[in-house]
C-alpha cells in the first residue's frame, strides 16, 4: 500500500527568523578559549595577569611563604 504524498505547506516561521534563532542557540565560535596554564597546561582563569591554574597558583604562594620563613633563619 502506498502513502499519499503530503502537500507542501507554507512555513509558519519566516526563514530569516528561523535562521536568527538557530544562530542564537548555537555556541559562539568567536568567544575566546580559556587560557591554559603556563606550567601544567590546565585551564586557567588568567586573573592578575598570571597564566597559572589554581593549583599552580597555590603552589607558587606556598613556595613564597616557605621562602619567607626560611630567610630569617639563614641570616
N, C-alpha and C. Protein backbone atom coordinates (compact mmCIF):
# COMPACT_ATOMS: atom_id res chain seq x y z
N UNK A 1 0.84 -1.16 0.00
CA UNK A 1 0.00 0.00 0.00
C UNK A 1 0.90 1.24 0.00
N UNK A 2 0.62 2.18 -0.83
CA UNK A 2 1.41 3.40 -0.94
C UNK A 2 0.77 4.53 -0.16
N UNK A 3 1.64 5.36 0.40
CA UNK A 3 1.14 6.55 1.12
C UNK A 3 0.94 7.68 0.15
N UNK A 4 0.00 8.49 0.47
CA UNK A 4 -0.22 9.68 -0.33
C UNK A 4 0.84 10.72 0.03
N UNK A 5 1.37 11.39 -0.93
CA UNK A 5 2.35 12.45 -0.69
C UNK A 5 1.68 13.63 -0.02
N UNK A 6 2.35 14.16 0.98
CA UNK A 6 1.79 15.31 1.68
C UNK A 6 2.04 16.58 0.87
N UNK A 7 1.05 17.41 0.76
CA UNK A 7 1.25 18.66 0.01
C UNK A 7 2.22 19.58 0.76
N UNK A 8 3.01 20.29 -0.01
CA UNK A 8 3.97 21.23 0.61
C UNK A 8 3.20 22.35 1.28
N UNK A 9 3.49 22.55 2.54
CA UNK A 9 2.80 23.61 3.28
C UNK A 9 3.71 24.82 3.40
N UNK A 10 3.13 25.96 3.57
CA UNK A 10 3.87 27.20 3.73
C UNK A 10 4.48 27.22 5.13
N UNK A 11 5.76 27.61 5.28
CA UNK A 11 6.38 27.64 6.62
C UNK A 11 5.65 28.62 7.55
N UNK A 12 5.53 28.20 8.80
CA UNK A 12 4.84 29.03 9.79
C UNK A 12 5.73 30.19 10.21
N UNK A 13 7.04 29.91 10.32
CA UNK A 13 8.00 30.93 10.75
C UNK A 13 8.82 31.36 9.53
N UNK A 14 9.04 32.64 9.43
CA UNK A 14 9.83 33.17 8.32
C UNK A 14 11.25 32.60 8.38
N UNK A 15 11.85 32.27 7.23
CA UNK A 15 13.20 31.69 7.23
C UNK A 15 14.25 32.57 7.91
N UNK A 16 14.10 33.90 7.82
CA UNK A 16 15.07 34.80 8.45
C UNK A 16 15.01 34.67 9.96
N UNK A 17 13.80 34.59 10.51
CA UNK A 17 13.64 34.47 11.96
C UNK A 17 14.17 33.12 12.42
N UNK A 18 13.90 32.06 11.65
CA UNK A 18 14.37 30.72 12.00
C UNK A 18 15.89 30.68 12.01
N UNK A 19 16.53 31.29 11.01
CA UNK A 19 17.99 31.31 10.95
C UNK A 19 18.58 32.10 12.12
N UNK A 20 17.96 33.21 12.47
CA UNK A 20 18.44 34.01 13.60
C UNK A 20 18.33 33.22 14.90
N UNK A 21 17.25 32.48 15.06
CA UNK A 21 17.07 31.66 16.27
C UNK A 21 18.12 30.56 16.33
N UNK A 22 18.41 29.93 15.20
CA UNK A 22 19.44 28.88 15.17
C UNK A 22 20.80 29.43 15.54
N UNK A 23 21.12 30.64 15.04
CA UNK A 23 22.41 31.25 15.37
C UNK A 23 22.51 31.62 16.84
N UNK A 24 21.39 32.03 17.45
CA UNK A 24 21.43 32.43 18.85
C UNK A 24 21.60 31.22 19.77
N UNK A 25 21.15 30.06 19.34
CA UNK A 25 21.26 28.84 20.15
C UNK A 25 22.63 28.20 19.99
N UNK A 26 23.19 28.23 18.81
CA UNK A 26 24.46 27.57 18.55
C UNK A 26 25.58 28.23 19.35
N UNK A 27 26.58 27.44 19.75
CA UNK A 27 27.68 28.02 20.53
C UNK A 27 28.44 29.04 19.69
N UNK A 28 28.83 30.10 20.35
CA UNK A 28 29.53 31.19 19.67
C UNK A 28 30.99 30.82 19.49
N UNK A 29 31.42 30.69 18.25
CA UNK A 29 32.81 30.32 17.98
C UNK A 29 33.75 31.50 18.13
N UNK A 30 33.21 32.71 18.20
CA UNK A 30 34.07 33.89 18.34
C UNK A 30 34.48 34.11 19.79
N UNK A 31 33.87 33.37 20.73
CA UNK A 31 34.26 33.52 22.13
C UNK A 31 35.68 33.03 22.33
N UNK A 32 36.38 33.70 23.19
CA UNK A 32 37.76 33.37 23.45
C UNK A 32 37.87 32.06 24.23
N UNK A 33 38.77 31.21 23.82
CA UNK A 33 39.01 29.96 24.52
C UNK A 33 39.74 30.27 25.83
N UNK A 34 39.38 29.59 26.93
CA UNK A 34 40.08 29.86 28.19
C UNK A 34 41.58 29.62 28.04
N UNK A 35 42.35 30.47 28.67
CA UNK A 35 43.79 30.36 28.59
C UNK A 35 44.26 29.09 29.30
N UNK A 36 45.41 28.60 28.89
CA UNK A 36 45.96 27.42 29.54
C UNK A 36 47.13 27.83 30.43
N UNK A 37 47.32 27.05 31.47
CA UNK A 37 48.38 27.31 32.46
C UNK A 37 49.74 27.20 31.79
N UNK A 38 50.63 28.12 32.10
CA UNK A 38 51.97 28.10 31.50
C UNK A 38 52.85 27.02 32.12
N UNK A 39 52.43 26.43 33.25
CA UNK A 39 53.22 25.39 33.90
C UNK A 39 52.73 24.01 33.51
N UNK A 40 51.43 23.75 33.75
CA UNK A 40 50.92 22.40 33.55
C UNK A 40 49.99 22.26 32.35
N UNK A 41 49.53 23.37 31.77
CA UNK A 41 48.66 23.32 30.60
C UNK A 41 47.18 23.19 30.90
N UNK A 42 46.81 23.20 32.16
CA UNK A 42 45.39 23.11 32.53
C UNK A 42 44.69 24.44 32.26
N UNK A 43 43.36 24.42 32.27
CA UNK A 43 42.59 25.64 32.04
C UNK A 43 42.78 26.59 33.21
N UNK A 44 42.98 27.87 32.92
CA UNK A 44 43.16 28.84 33.98
C UNK A 44 42.29 30.06 33.75
N UNK A 45 42.06 30.80 34.81
CA UNK A 45 41.23 31.99 34.72
C UNK A 45 42.03 33.18 34.22
N UNK A 46 43.31 33.18 34.43
CA UNK A 46 44.15 34.27 33.95
C UNK A 46 44.01 35.55 34.74
N UNK A 47 43.54 35.45 35.98
CA UNK A 47 43.38 36.65 36.79
C UNK A 47 44.74 37.19 37.20
N UNK A 48 44.80 38.47 37.41
CA UNK A 48 46.01 39.18 37.83
C UNK A 48 47.13 39.05 36.81
N UNK A 49 46.80 38.78 35.56
CA UNK A 49 47.81 38.73 34.51
C UNK A 49 48.67 37.49 34.54
N UNK A 50 48.43 36.58 35.45
CA UNK A 50 49.20 35.34 35.52
C UNK A 50 48.55 34.28 34.64
N UNK A 51 49.35 33.49 33.99
CA UNK A 51 48.83 32.37 33.21
C UNK A 51 49.02 31.09 34.01
N UNK A 52 48.41 31.05 35.21
CA UNK A 52 48.53 29.89 36.09
C UNK A 52 47.15 29.38 36.47
N UNK A 53 47.02 28.05 36.54
CA UNK A 53 45.78 27.46 37.04
C UNK A 53 45.76 27.61 38.56
N UNK A 54 44.65 27.26 39.17
CA UNK A 54 44.53 27.48 40.61
C UNK A 54 45.51 26.61 41.38
N UNK A 55 45.85 25.42 40.89
CA UNK A 55 46.78 24.54 41.60
C UNK A 55 48.19 25.15 41.58
N UNK A 56 48.64 25.53 40.40
CA UNK A 56 49.98 26.11 40.28
C UNK A 56 50.09 27.43 41.03
N UNK A 57 49.00 28.21 41.05
CA UNK A 57 49.00 29.46 41.80
C UNK A 57 49.17 29.19 43.29
N UNK A 58 48.45 28.18 43.81
CA UNK A 58 48.58 27.82 45.23
C UNK A 58 49.99 27.32 45.55
N UNK A 59 50.57 26.54 44.66
CA UNK A 59 51.94 26.06 44.88
C UNK A 59 52.92 27.22 44.90
N UNK A 60 52.70 28.20 44.04
CA UNK A 60 53.57 29.38 44.00
C UNK A 60 53.47 30.17 45.30
N UNK A 61 52.25 30.38 45.78
CA UNK A 61 52.04 31.12 47.02
C UNK A 61 52.66 30.38 48.20
N UNK A 62 52.46 29.06 48.26
CA UNK A 62 53.03 28.31 49.38
C UNK A 62 54.56 28.30 49.32
N UNK A 63 55.12 28.30 48.11
CA UNK A 63 56.58 28.36 47.98
C UNK A 63 57.10 29.71 48.46
N UNK A 64 56.38 30.80 48.16
CA UNK A 64 56.78 32.12 48.64
C UNK A 64 56.77 32.15 50.17
N UNK A 65 55.72 31.60 50.76
CA UNK A 65 55.61 31.60 52.23
C UNK A 65 56.75 30.79 52.84
N UNK A 66 57.08 29.68 52.20
CA UNK A 66 58.16 28.84 52.71
C UNK A 66 59.50 29.56 52.64
N UNK A 67 59.73 30.27 51.56
CA UNK A 67 60.98 31.02 51.40
C UNK A 67 61.06 32.15 52.44
N UNK A 68 59.94 32.84 52.68
CA UNK A 68 59.92 33.92 53.67
C UNK A 68 60.21 33.40 55.07
N UNK A 69 59.75 32.22 55.40
CA UNK A 69 60.01 31.64 56.72
C UNK A 69 61.44 31.20 56.88
N UNK A 70 62.08 30.75 55.78
CA UNK A 70 63.47 30.27 55.88
C UNK A 70 64.47 31.41 55.84
N UNK A 71 64.15 32.53 55.24
CA UNK A 71 65.09 33.63 55.07
C UNK A 71 65.61 34.18 56.41
N UNK A 72 64.78 34.48 57.41
CA UNK A 72 65.32 35.00 58.69
C UNK A 72 66.20 33.97 59.41
N UNK A 73 65.93 32.72 59.26
CA UNK A 73 66.71 31.70 59.95
C UNK A 73 68.12 31.61 59.37
N UNK A 74 68.30 31.92 58.09
CA UNK A 74 69.60 31.82 57.45
C UNK A 74 70.49 33.01 57.80
N UNK A 75 69.92 34.14 58.14
CA UNK A 75 70.71 35.35 58.43
C UNK A 75 71.30 35.28 59.74
